[in-house]
């Protein structure tokens, strides 16, 4: 069993929460699907957003281009939007259109593509202009329309977005701009601290920008107070995970641990039972002996 990795930032789950925050005023009109699987093989759209009522327009700036079915590709701040990424997602859009039981039930004009990335993809933009004959039009801060295809396409550069209109999506970065941004995030988070979407995004932003938050001591203290319950829960969860891993590490020294037994150990949440299991695992001479002892506890 591999040791648990630490300090790996999971950008995509935070983006999935973030885009729902950006569109929360009209969330009742939309259906969000995370990692929508295409067909039976592992091809996944990062986020699929389906409008419930096609004729009702989305007013939020990042969603004005939306039609019925809206495919979103997200690149983290450490990733880059390449030429091949464009064709991959364009292919996904075509596959999504065709992957239905009834012919032409999804109209090509009902699909849009949105690319979300941190930096301006110069190679891709040059390719789209020179090889595809597309026009790239900047409609407002950080939002570009790619014109010339049957499918409406937009590109969102999070670094260029306006804090006034897109604070949370702009702040989904490992390079926050300054104290004013930190202050606005904390203020807005305070208004939505019970919302799991805001919790997910704020947690990632803080982890990715720890030095920036520490620079602003009073704000960091305010954030700690706001996130106290969640931080306490994560500490408790971390201690629990440590105990389950201790049991598994001891058993792996004895031999192969069946998957069913591994799942049972990882799913155990009672700290007293885990404490006893650690003792059993340390004293057992075989995995089978350990399993016999825990069955007697049931």
C-alpha atoms as a PDB file:
ATOM      1  CA  UNK A   1       0.000   0.000   0.000  1.00  0.00           C
ATOM      2  CA  UNK A   2       1.413   3.414  -0.944  1.00  0.00           C
ATOM      3  CA  UNK A   3       2.075   5.954   1.773  1.00  0.00           C
ATOM      4  CA  UNK A   4      -0.297   8.884   1.821  1.00  0.00           C
ATOM      5  CA  UNK A   5       1.029  11.857  -0.172  1.00  0.00           C
ATOM      6  CA  UNK A   6       0.894  15.271   1.404  1.00  0.00           C
ATOM      7  CA  UNK A   7       0.754  18.836   0.058  1.00  0.00           C
ATOM      8  CA  UNK A   8      -0.802  17.809  -3.272  1.00  0.00           C
ATOM      9  CA  UNK A   9      -3.256  20.525  -4.269  1.00  0.00           C
ATOM     10  CA  UNK A  10      -6.462  19.202  -5.845  1.00  0.00           C
ATOM     11  CA  UNK A  11      -7.399  22.051  -8.201  1.00  0.00           C
ATOM     12  CA  UNK A  12     -10.206  20.370 -10.132  1.00  0.00           C
ATOM     13  CA  UNK A  13     -12.599  19.718  -7.215  1.00  0.00           C
ATOM     14  CA  UNK A  14     -12.105  23.329  -6.135  1.00  0.00           C
ATOM     15  CA  UNK A  15     -12.797  24.542  -9.687  1.00  0.00           C
ATOM     16  CA  UNK A  16     -16.003  22.486  -9.791  1.00  0.00           C
ATOM     17  CA  UNK A  17     -17.134  24.218  -6.601  1.00  0.00           C
ATOM     18  CA  UNK A  18     -15.852  27.588  -7.842  1.00  0.00           C
ATOM     19  CA  UNK A  19     -17.769  27.596 -11.116  1.00  0.00           C
ATOM     20  CA  UNK A  20     -20.950  26.873  -9.144  1.00  0.00           C
ATOM     21  CA  UNK A  21     -20.167  29.886  -6.950  1.00  0.00           C
ATOM     22  CA  UNK A  22     -19.662  32.048 -10.045  1.00  0.00           C
ATOM     23  CA  UNK A  23     -23.033  30.939 -11.415  1.00  0.00           C
ATOM     24  CA  UNK A  24     -24.882  30.628  -8.081  1.00  0.00           C
ATOM     25  CA  UNK A  25     -27.344  33.440  -8.880  1.00  0.00           C
ATOM     26  CA  UNK A  26     -28.694  31.270 -11.697  1.00  0.00           C
ATOM     27  CA  UNK A  27     -27.943  27.830 -10.270  1.00  0.00           C
ATOM     28  CA  UNK A  28     -31.647  27.026 -10.311  1.00  0.00           C
ATOM     29  CA  UNK A  29     -31.560  27.184 -14.103  1.00  0.00           C
ATOM     30  CA  UNK A  30     -28.530  24.910 -14.479  1.00  0.00           C
ATOM     31  CA  UNK A  31     -27.500  21.308 -13.881  1.00  0.00           C
ATOM     32  CA  UNK A  32     -23.814  20.759 -13.052  1.00  0.00           C
ATOM     33  CA  UNK A  33     -22.060  17.461 -13.721  1.00  0.00           C
ATOM     34  CA  UNK A  34     -18.514  16.868 -12.514  1.00  0.00           C
ATOM     35  CA  UNK A  35     -16.255  14.719 -14.713  1.00  0.00           C
ATOM     36  CA  UNK A  36     -19.052  13.709 -17.061  1.00  0.00           C
ATOM     37  CA  UNK A  37     -18.033  10.362 -18.561  1.00  0.00           C
ATOM     38  CA  UNK A  38     -18.280   9.924 -22.317  1.00  0.00           C
ATOM     39  CA  UNK A  39     -19.406   6.490 -23.386  1.00  0.00           C
ATOM     40  CA  UNK A  40     -18.120   3.385 -21.583  1.00  0.00           C
ATOM     41  CA  UNK A  41     -14.402   4.190 -21.800  1.00  0.00           C
ATOM     42  CA  UNK A  42     -12.551   6.663 -19.541  1.00  0.00           C
ATOM     43  CA  UNK A  43     -13.118   9.899 -21.467  1.00  0.00           C
ATOM     44  CA  UNK A  44     -14.347  12.619 -19.149  1.00  0.00           C
ATOM     45  CA  UNK A  45     -15.515  16.179 -19.625  1.00  0.00           C
ATOM     46  CA  UNK A  46     -14.190  18.257 -16.708  1.00  0.00           C
ATOM     47  CA  UNK A  47     -17.549  19.935 -16.109  1.00  0.00           C
ATOM     48  CA  UNK A  48     -20.804  19.635 -18.039  1.00  0.00           C
ATOM     49  CA  UNK A  49     -23.364  22.388 -17.419  1.00  0.00           C
ATOM     50  CA  UNK A  50     -26.877  21.776 -18.765  1.00  0.00           C
ATOM     51  CA  UNK A  51     -29.427  24.590 -18.909  1.00  0.00           C
ATOM     52  CA  UNK A  52     -32.785  23.470 -17.578  1.00  0.00           C
ATOM     53  CA  UNK A  53     -34.667  25.988 -19.712  1.00  0.00           C
ATOM     54  CA  UNK A  54     -32.879  26.636 -22.985  1.00  0.00           C
ATOM     55  CA  UNK A  55     -34.662  29.891 -23.790  1.00  0.00           C
ATOM     56  CA  UNK A  56     -33.694  31.563 -20.464  1.00  0.00           C
ATOM     57  CA  UNK A  57     -30.333  33.356 -20.896  1.00  0.00           C
ATOM     58  CA  UNK A  58     -27.568  33.222 -18.292  1.00  0.00           C
ATOM     59  CA  UNK A  59     -26.704  36.758 -17.192  1.00  0.00           C
ATOM     60  CA  UNK A  60     -23.399  36.017 -15.430  1.00  0.00           C
ATOM     61  CA  UNK A  61     -20.504  37.110 -17.663  1.00  0.00           C
ATOM     62  CA  UNK A  62     -18.846  33.686 -17.926  1.00  0.00           C
ATOM     63  CA  UNK A  63     -22.157  32.076 -18.901  1.00  0.00           C
ATOM     64  CA  UNK A  64     -23.583  34.503 -21.442  1.00  0.00           C
ATOM     65  CA  UNK A  65     -22.341  32.284 -24.256  1.00  0.00           C
ATOM     66  CA  UNK A  66     -24.145  29.232 -22.839  1.00  0.00           C
ATOM     67  CA  UNK A  67     -26.720  27.283 -24.796  1.00  0.00           C
ATOM     68  CA  UNK A  68     -28.330  23.971 -23.781  1.00  0.00           C
ATOM     69  CA  UNK A  69     -25.216  21.805 -23.292  1.00  0.00           C
ATOM     70  CA  UNK A  70     -22.035  23.504 -22.141  1.00  0.00           C
ATOM     71  CA  UNK A  71     -18.712  21.676 -22.000  1.00  0.00           C
ATOM     72  CA  UNK A  72     -16.024  23.157 -19.737  1.00  0.00           C
ATOM     73  CA  UNK A  73     -12.322  22.263 -19.778  1.00  0.00           C
ATOM     74  CA  UNK A  74     -10.262  23.497 -16.819  1.00  0.00           C
ATOM     75  CA  UNK A  75      -6.488  23.876 -16.581  1.00  0.00           C
ATOM     76  CA  UNK A  76      -4.943  24.544 -13.173  1.00  0.00           C
ATOM     77  CA  UNK A  77      -2.487  27.438 -12.622  1.00  0.00           C
ATOM     78  CA  UNK A  78       0.403  24.975 -13.040  1.00  0.00           C
ATOM     79  CA  UNK A  79      -0.950  23.546 -16.307  1.00  0.00           C
ATOM     80  CA  UNK A  80      -1.061  24.915 -19.859  1.00  0.00           C
ATOM     81  CA  UNK A  81      -3.771  24.912 -22.532  1.00  0.00           C
ATOM     82  CA  UNK A  82      -2.188  23.324 -25.607  1.00  0.00           C
ATOM     83  CA  UNK A  83      -3.160  22.918 -29.249  1.00  0.00           C
ATOM     84  CA  UNK A  84      -3.910  19.242 -28.648  1.00  0.00           C
ATOM     85  CA  UNK A  85      -6.062  20.122 -25.640  1.00  0.00           C
ATOM     86  CA  UNK A  86      -8.244  22.187 -27.950  1.00  0.00           C
ATOM     87  CA  UNK A  87      -8.769  19.293 -30.365  1.00  0.00           C
ATOM     88  CA  UNK A  88      -9.327  16.809 -27.527  1.00  0.00           C
ATOM     89  CA  UNK A  89     -12.144  18.904 -26.051  1.00  0.00           C
ATOM     90  CA  UNK A  90     -13.563  19.708 -29.481  1.00  0.00           C
ATOM     91  CA  UNK A  91     -13.634  15.957 -30.085  1.00  0.00           C
ATOM     92  CA  UNK A  92     -15.386  15.451 -26.758  1.00  0.00           C
ATOM     93  CA  UNK A  93     -18.054  17.925 -27.851  1.00  0.00           C
ATOM     94  CA  UNK A  94     -18.633  16.003 -31.076  1.00  0.00           C
ATOM     95  CA  UNK A  95     -18.685  12.683 -29.216  1.00  0.00           C
ATOM     96  CA  UNK A  96     -21.148  14.066 -26.674  1.00  0.00           C
ATOM     97  CA  UNK A  97     -23.423  15.180 -29.516  1.00  0.00           C
ATOM     98  CA  UNK A  98     -23.292  11.730 -31.130  1.00  0.00           C
ATOM     99  CA  UNK A  99     -23.482   9.593 -27.973  1.00  0.00           C
ATOM    100  CA  UNK A 100     -27.292   9.400 -27.872  1.00  0.00           C
ATOM    101  CA  UNK A 101     -29.870   6.713 -28.572  1.00  0.00           C
ATOM    102  CA  UNK A 102     -31.814   8.877 -31.037  1.00  0.00           C
ATOM    103  CA  UNK A 103     -30.204  10.435 -34.114  1.00  0.00           C
ATOM    104  CA  UNK A 104     -29.491  14.169 -33.911  1.00  0.00           C
ATOM    105  CA  UNK A 105     -31.337  14.511 -30.586  1.00  0.00           C
ATOM    106  CA  UNK A 106     -28.596  16.922 -29.464  1.00  0.00           C
ATOM    107  CA  UNK A 107     -28.270  19.691 -32.029  1.00  0.00           C
ATOM    108  CA  UNK A 108     -24.761  20.949 -32.781  1.00  0.00           C
ATOM    109  CA  UNK A 109     -25.998  24.524 -32.333  1.00  0.00           C
ATOM    110  CA  UNK A 110     -27.044  23.647 -28.768  1.00  0.00           C
ATOM    111  CA  UNK A 111     -23.466  22.930 -27.640  1.00  0.00           C
ATOM    112  CA  UNK A 112     -20.811  25.375 -26.407  1.00  0.00           C
ATOM    113  CA  UNK A 113     -17.193  24.898 -25.313  1.00  0.00           C
ATOM    114  CA  UNK A 114     -15.462  26.876 -22.555  1.00  0.00           C
ATOM    115  CA  UNK A 115     -11.730  26.686 -21.873  1.00  0.00           C
ATOM    116  CA  UNK A 116     -10.616  27.955 -18.459  1.00  0.00           C
ATOM    117  CA  UNK A 117      -6.901  28.508 -17.910  1.00  0.00           C
ATOM    118  CA  UNK A 118      -4.559  30.779 -15.978  1.00  0.00           C
ATOM    119  CA  UNK A 119      -2.183  32.016 -18.672  1.00  0.00           C
ATOM    120  CA  UNK A 120      -2.675  33.254 -22.224  1.00  0.00           C
ATOM    121  CA  UNK A 121      -2.004  30.226 -24.505  1.00  0.00           C
ATOM    122  CA  UNK A 122      -0.030  31.960 -27.261  1.00  0.00           C
ATOM    123  CA  UNK A 123       0.768  28.841 -29.304  1.00  0.00           C
ATOM    124  CA  UNK A 124      -2.872  27.792 -29.353  1.00  0.00           C
ATOM    125  CA  UNK A 125      -4.126  31.281 -30.244  1.00  0.00           C
ATOM    126  CA  UNK A 126      -1.593  31.539 -33.072  1.00  0.00           C
ATOM    127  CA  UNK A 127      -2.677  28.121 -34.354  1.00  0.00           C
ATOM    128  CA  UNK A 128      -6.378  28.994 -34.235  1.00  0.00           C
ATOM    129  CA  UNK A 129      -5.797  32.210 -36.153  1.00  0.00           C
ATOM    130  CA  UNK A 130      -3.352  30.903 -38.762  1.00  0.00           C
ATOM    131  CA  UNK A 131      -4.520  27.308 -39.261  1.00  0.00           C
ATOM    132  CA  UNK A 132      -8.251  27.544 -38.518  1.00  0.00           C
ATOM    133  CA  UNK A 133      -8.918  31.112 -39.611  1.00  0.00           C
ATOM    134  CA  UNK A 134     -10.671  31.945 -36.326  1.00  0.00           C
ATOM    135  CA  UNK A 135     -10.986  35.415 -34.843  1.00  0.00           C
ATOM    136  CA  UNK A 136     -10.201  35.945 -31.159  1.00  0.00           C
ATOM    137  CA  UNK A 137     -12.279  38.737 -29.598  1.00  0.00           C
ATOM    138  CA  UNK A 138     -11.802  40.034 -26.043  1.00  0.00           C
ATOM    139  CA  UNK A 139     -15.320  40.773 -24.794  1.00  0.00           C
ATOM    140  CA  UNK A 140     -14.309  41.859 -21.283  1.00  0.00           C
ATOM    141  CA  UNK A 141     -11.566  41.317 -18.702  1.00  0.00           C
ATOM    142  CA  UNK A 142     -10.383  37.731 -18.987  1.00  0.00           C
ATOM    143  CA  UNK A 143     -13.131  36.553 -21.361  1.00  0.00           C
ATOM    144  CA  UNK A 144     -12.367  35.887 -25.048  1.00  0.00           C
ATOM    145  CA  UNK A 145     -14.734  34.591 -27.719  1.00  0.00           C
ATOM    146  CA  UNK A 146     -13.265  32.320 -30.392  1.00  0.00           C
ATOM    147  CA  UNK A 147     -15.272  33.141 -33.513  1.00  0.00           C
ATOM    148  CA  UNK A 148     -15.468  31.158 -36.742  1.00  0.00           C
ATOM    149  CA  UNK A 149     -16.815  27.751 -35.744  1.00  0.00           C
ATOM    150  CA  UNK A 150     -20.317  26.293 -35.743  1.00  0.00           C
ATOM    151  CA  UNK A 151     -19.876  25.631 -32.019  1.00  0.00           C
ATOM    152  CA  UNK A 152     -19.658  28.802 -29.864  1.00  0.00           C
ATOM    153  CA  UNK A 153     -16.316  28.724 -28.030  1.00  0.00           C
ATOM    154  CA  UNK A 154     -14.946  30.955 -25.296  1.00  0.00           C
ATOM    155  CA  UNK A 155     -11.693  31.106 -23.364  1.00  0.00           C
ATOM    156  CA  UNK A 156     -11.550  32.386 -19.785  1.00  0.00           C
ATOM    157  CA  UNK A 157      -8.168  33.567 -18.489  1.00  0.00           C
ATOM    158  CA  UNK A 158      -8.570  33.558 -14.715  1.00  0.00           C
ATOM    159  CA  UNK A 159      -5.533  35.798 -14.184  1.00  0.00           C
ATOM    160  CA  UNK A 160      -7.175  38.606 -16.190  1.00  0.00           C
ATOM    161  CA  UNK A 161     -10.677  38.362 -14.689  1.00  0.00           C
ATOM    162  CA  UNK A 162     -12.145  41.272 -12.754  1.00  0.00           C
ATOM    163  CA  UNK A 163     -12.195  40.869  -8.976  1.00  0.00           C
ATOM    164  CA  UNK A 164     -15.425  42.844  -8.904  1.00  0.00           C
ATOM    165  CA  UNK A 165     -17.291  40.322 -11.051  1.00  0.00           C
ATOM    166  CA  UNK A 166     -15.299  37.080 -10.660  1.00  0.00           C
ATOM    167  CA  UNK A 167     -13.468  37.223  -7.332  1.00  0.00           C
ATOM    168  CA  UNK A 168     -13.550  33.498  -6.590  1.00  0.00           C
ATOM    169  CA  UNK A 169     -12.594  32.224 -10.034  1.00  0.00           C
ATOM    170  CA  UNK A 170      -9.812  34.806 -10.326  1.00  0.00           C
ATOM    171  CA  UNK A 171      -8.544  33.801  -6.879  1.00  0.00           C
ATOM    172  CA  UNK A 172      -8.312  30.095  -7.750  1.00  0.00           C
ATOM    173  CA  UNK A 173      -4.547  30.459  -8.069  1.00  0.00           C
ATOM    174  CA  UNK A 174      -1.299  29.896  -6.205  1.00  0.00           C
ATOM    175  CA  UNK A 175      -0.334  33.535  -6.746  1.00  0.00           C
ATOM    176  CA  UNK A 176      -2.870  35.851  -5.095  1.00  0.00           C
ATOM    177  CA  UNK A 177      -2.216  39.482  -5.953  1.00  0.00           C
ATOM    178  CA  UNK A 178      -2.250  41.145  -2.525  1.00  0.00           C
ATOM    179  CA  UNK A 179      -3.757  41.983   0.854  1.00  0.00           C
ATOM    180  CA  UNK A 180      -6.869  43.580  -0.627  1.00  0.00           C
ATOM    181  CA  UNK A 181      -7.749  40.340  -2.380  1.00  0.00           C
ATOM    182  CA  UNK A 182      -7.200  38.363   0.830  1.00  0.00           C
ATOM    183  CA  UNK A 183      -9.473  40.795   2.696  1.00  0.00           C
ATOM    184  CA  UNK A 184     -12.272  40.512   0.114  1.00  0.00           C
ATOM    185  CA  UNK A 185     -12.067  36.715   0.154  1.00  0.00           C
ATOM    186  CA  UNK A 186     -12.292  36.564   3.932  1.00  0.00           C
ATOM    187  CA  UNK A 187     -15.200  38.999   3.997  1.00  0.00           C
ATOM    188  CA  UNK A 188     -17.174  37.054   1.404  1.00  0.00           C
ATOM    189  CA  UNK A 189     -16.286  33.728   2.960  1.00  0.00           C
ATOM    190  CA  UNK A 190     -17.633  35.022   6.276  1.00  0.00           C
ATOM    191  CA  UNK A 191     -20.984  35.581   4.580  1.00  0.00           C
ATOM    192  CA  UNK A 192     -21.066  32.049   3.136  1.00  0.00           C
ATOM    193  CA  UNK A 193     -19.065  29.977   5.641  1.00  0.00           C
ATOM    194  CA  UNK A 194     -21.828  27.357   5.938  1.00  0.00           C
ATOM    195  CA  UNK A 195     -21.827  26.777   2.173  1.00  0.00           C
ATOM    196  CA  UNK A 196     -19.798  23.684   1.246  1.00  0.00           C
ATOM    197  CA  UNK A 197     -18.874  25.141  -2.151  1.00  0.00           C
ATOM    198  CA  UNK A 198     -17.226  28.160  -0.557  1.00  0.00           C
ATOM    199  CA  UNK A 199     -15.522  25.902   1.998  1.00  0.00           C
ATOM    200  CA  UNK A 200     -14.025  23.760  -0.768  1.00  0.00           C
ATOM    201  CA  UNK A 201     -12.687  26.715  -2.743  1.00  0.00           C
ATOM    202  CA  UNK A 202     -11.442  28.686   0.282  1.00  0.00           C
ATOM    203  CA  UNK A 203      -9.626  25.653   1.637  1.00  0.00           C
ATOM    204  CA  UNK A 204      -7.721  25.232  -1.623  1.00  0.00           C
ATOM    205  CA  UNK A 205      -6.953  28.962  -1.968  1.00  0.00           C
ATOM    206  CA  UNK A 206      -5.553  29.149   1.581  1.00  0.00           C
ATOM    207  CA  UNK A 207      -3.415  26.024   1.104  1.00  0.00           C
ATOM    208  CA  UNK A 208      -2.061  27.330  -2.207  1.00  0.00           C
ATOM    209  CA  UNK A 209      -1.284  30.801  -0.798  1.00  0.00           C
ATOM    210  CA  UNK A 210      -0.227  30.171   2.796  1.00  0.00           C
ATOM    211  CA  UNK A 211       2.555  32.770   2.755  1.00  0.00           C
ATOM    212  CA  UNK A 212       0.198  35.455   1.417  1.00  0.00           C
ATOM    213  CA  UNK A 213      -2.318  34.812   4.193  1.00  0.00           C
ATOM    214  CA  UNK A 214       0.410  34.729   6.861  1.00  0.00           C
ATOM    215  CA  UNK A 215       1.648  38.134   5.697  1.00  0.00           C
ATOM    216  CA  UNK A 216      -1.685  39.608   6.725  1.00  0.00           C
ATOM    217  CA  UNK A 217      -1.729  38.381  10.335  1.00  0.00           C
ATOM    218  CA  UNK A 218      -5.016  39.900  11.495  1.00  0.00           C
ATOM    219  CA  UNK A 219      -6.815  38.589   8.425  1.00  0.00           C
ATOM    220  CA  UNK A 220      -5.302  35.149   8.912  1.00  0.00           C
ATOM    221  CA  UNK A 221      -6.550  35.119  12.500  1.00  0.00           C
ATOM    222  CA  UNK A 222     -10.019  36.125  11.310  1.00  0.00           C
ATOM    223  CA  UNK A 223      -9.974  33.305   8.746  1.00  0.00           C
ATOM    224  CA  UNK A 224      -8.869  30.767  11.345  1.00  0.00           C
ATOM    225  CA  UNK A 225     -11.829  31.769  13.494  1.00  0.00           C
ATOM    226  CA  UNK A 226     -14.217  31.472  10.547  1.00  0.00           C
ATOM    227  CA  UNK A 227     -12.838  28.073   9.568  1.00  0.00           C
ATOM    228  CA  UNK A 228     -12.332  26.764  13.117  1.00  0.00           C
ATOM    229  CA  UNK A 229     -14.971  24.029  12.933  1.00  0.00           C
ATOM    230  CA  UNK A 230     -13.717  22.770   9.597  1.00  0.00           C
ATOM    231  CA  UNK A 231     -10.067  22.857  10.709  1.00  0.00           C
ATOM    232  CA  UNK A 232     -10.908  20.939  13.902  1.00  0.00           C
ATOM    233  CA  UNK A 233     -12.779  18.371  11.834  1.00  0.00           C
ATOM    234  CA  UNK A 234      -9.828  17.969   9.463  1.00  0.00           C
ATOM    235  CA  UNK A 235      -7.435  17.507  12.407  1.00  0.00           C
ATOM    236  CA  UNK A 236      -9.676  14.797  13.829  1.00  0.00           C
ATOM    237  CA  UNK A 237      -9.936  13.184  10.396  1.00  0.00           C
ATOM    238  CA  UNK A 238      -6.156  13.299  10.042  1.00  0.00           C
ATOM    239  CA  UNK A 239      -5.670  11.543  13.388  1.00  0.00           C
ATOM    240  CA  UNK A 240      -8.177   8.872  12.346  1.00  0.00           C
ATOM    241  CA  UNK A 241      -6.405   8.316   9.027  1.00  0.00           C
ATOM    242  CA  UNK A 242      -3.108   8.015  10.903  1.00  0.00           C
ATOM    243  CA  UNK A 243      -4.504   5.225  13.040  1.00  0.00           C
ATOM    244  CA  UNK A 244      -5.941   3.277  10.111  1.00  0.00           C
ATOM    245  CA  UNK A 245      -2.628   3.563   8.265  1.00  0.00           C
ATOM    246  CA  UNK A 246      -0.783   2.330  11.365  1.00  0.00           C
ATOM    247  CA  UNK A 247      -2.957  -0.798  11.399  1.00  0.00           C
ATOM    248  CA  UNK A 248      -2.384  -1.411   7.685  1.00  0.00           C
ATOM    249  CA  UNK A 249       1.368  -0.798   7.886  1.00  0.00           C
ATOM    250  CA  UNK A 250       1.694  -3.352  10.693  1.00  0.00           C
ATOM    251  CA  UNK A 251      -0.362  -5.906   8.767  1.00  0.00           C
ATOM    252  CA  UNK A 252       1.560  -5.390   5.535  1.00  0.00           C
ATOM    253  CA  UNK A 253       4.705  -6.397   7.412  1.00  0.00           C
ATOM    254  CA  UNK A 254       3.003  -9.743   8.030  1.00  0.00           C
ATOM    255  CA  UNK A 255       1.927 -10.366   4.446  1.00  0.00           C
ATOM    256  CA  UNK A 256      -0.703  -9.505   1.863  1.00  0.00           C
ATOM    257  CA  UNK A 257      -3.844  -7.835   3.215  1.00  0.00           C
ATOM    258  CA  UNK A 258      -7.073  -8.749   1.378  1.00  0.00           C
ATOM    259  CA  UNK A 259      -8.835  -5.809  -0.266  1.00  0.00           C
ATOM    260  CA  UNK A 260     -12.020  -6.436   1.715  1.00  0.00           C
ATOM    261  CA  UNK A 261     -10.091  -6.253   5.000  1.00  0.00           C
ATOM    262  CA  UNK A 262      -8.260  -3.092   3.858  1.00  0.00           C
ATOM    263  CA  UNK A 263     -11.590  -1.429   3.057  1.00  0.00           C
ATOM    264  CA  UNK A 264     -12.991  -2.445   6.464  1.00  0.00           C
ATOM    265  CA  UNK A 265      -9.982  -0.945   8.257  1.00  0.00           C
ATOM    266  CA  UNK A 266     -10.051   2.299   6.256  1.00  0.00           C
ATOM    267  CA  UNK A 267     -13.791   2.612   6.898  1.00  0.00           C
ATOM    268  CA  UNK A 268     -13.536   2.268  10.668  1.00  0.00           C
ATOM    269  CA  UNK A 269     -14.228   5.625  12.371  1.00  0.00           C
ATOM    270  CA  UNK A 270     -14.328   4.607  16.038  1.00  0.00           C
ATOM    271  CA  UNK A 271     -11.040   5.752  17.644  1.00  0.00           C
ATOM    272  CA  UNK A 272     -11.283   3.246  20.515  1.00  0.00           C
ATOM    273  CA  UNK A 273     -11.732   0.325  18.144  1.00  0.00           C
ATOM    274  CA  UNK A 274      -8.814   1.521  16.008  1.00  0.00           C
ATOM    275  CA  UNK A 275      -6.658   1.819  19.136  1.00  0.00           C
ATOM    276  CA  UNK A 276      -7.411  -1.804  19.972  1.00  0.00           C
ATOM    277  CA  UNK A 277      -6.802  -2.895  16.369  1.00  0.00           C
ATOM    278  CA  UNK A 278      -3.335  -1.338  16.471  1.00  0.00           C
ATOM    279  CA  UNK A 279      -2.533  -3.507  19.499  1.00  0.00           C
ATOM    280  CA  UNK A 280      -3.877  -6.609  17.757  1.00  0.00           C
ATOM    281  CA  UNK A 281      -1.884  -5.868  14.588  1.00  0.00           C
ATOM    282  CA  UNK A 282       1.322  -5.309  16.588  1.00  0.00           C
ATOM    283  CA  UNK A 283       0.962  -8.622  18.430  1.00  0.00           C
ATOM    284  CA  UNK A 284      -0.352 -10.801  15.602  1.00  0.00           C
ATOM    285  CA  UNK A 285       1.953 -13.194  13.804  1.00  0.00           C
ATOM    286  CA  UNK A 286      -0.261 -13.426  10.699  1.00  0.00           C
ATOM    287  CA  UNK A 287      -2.947 -11.353   8.988  1.00  0.00           C
ATOM    288  CA  UNK A 288      -5.380 -14.208   9.595  1.00  0.00           C
ATOM    289  CA  UNK A 289      -4.717 -14.063  13.357  1.00  0.00           C
ATOM    290  CA  UNK A 290      -5.466 -10.333  13.363  1.00  0.00           C
ATOM    291  CA  UNK A 291      -8.728 -10.885  11.483  1.00  0.00           C
ATOM    292  CA  UNK A 292      -9.807 -13.616  13.916  1.00  0.00           C
ATOM    293  CA  UNK A 293      -9.257 -11.253  16.867  1.00  0.00           C
ATOM    294  CA  UNK A 294     -11.278  -8.388  15.404  1.00  0.00           C
ATOM    295  CA  UNK A 295     -14.134 -10.748  14.575  1.00  0.00           C
ATOM    296  CA  UNK A 296     -14.309 -11.708  18.257  1.00  0.00           C
ATOM    297  CA  UNK A 297     -14.900  -8.041  19.081  1.00  0.00           C
ATOM    298  CA  UNK A 298     -18.055  -7.928  16.964  1.00  0.00           C
END
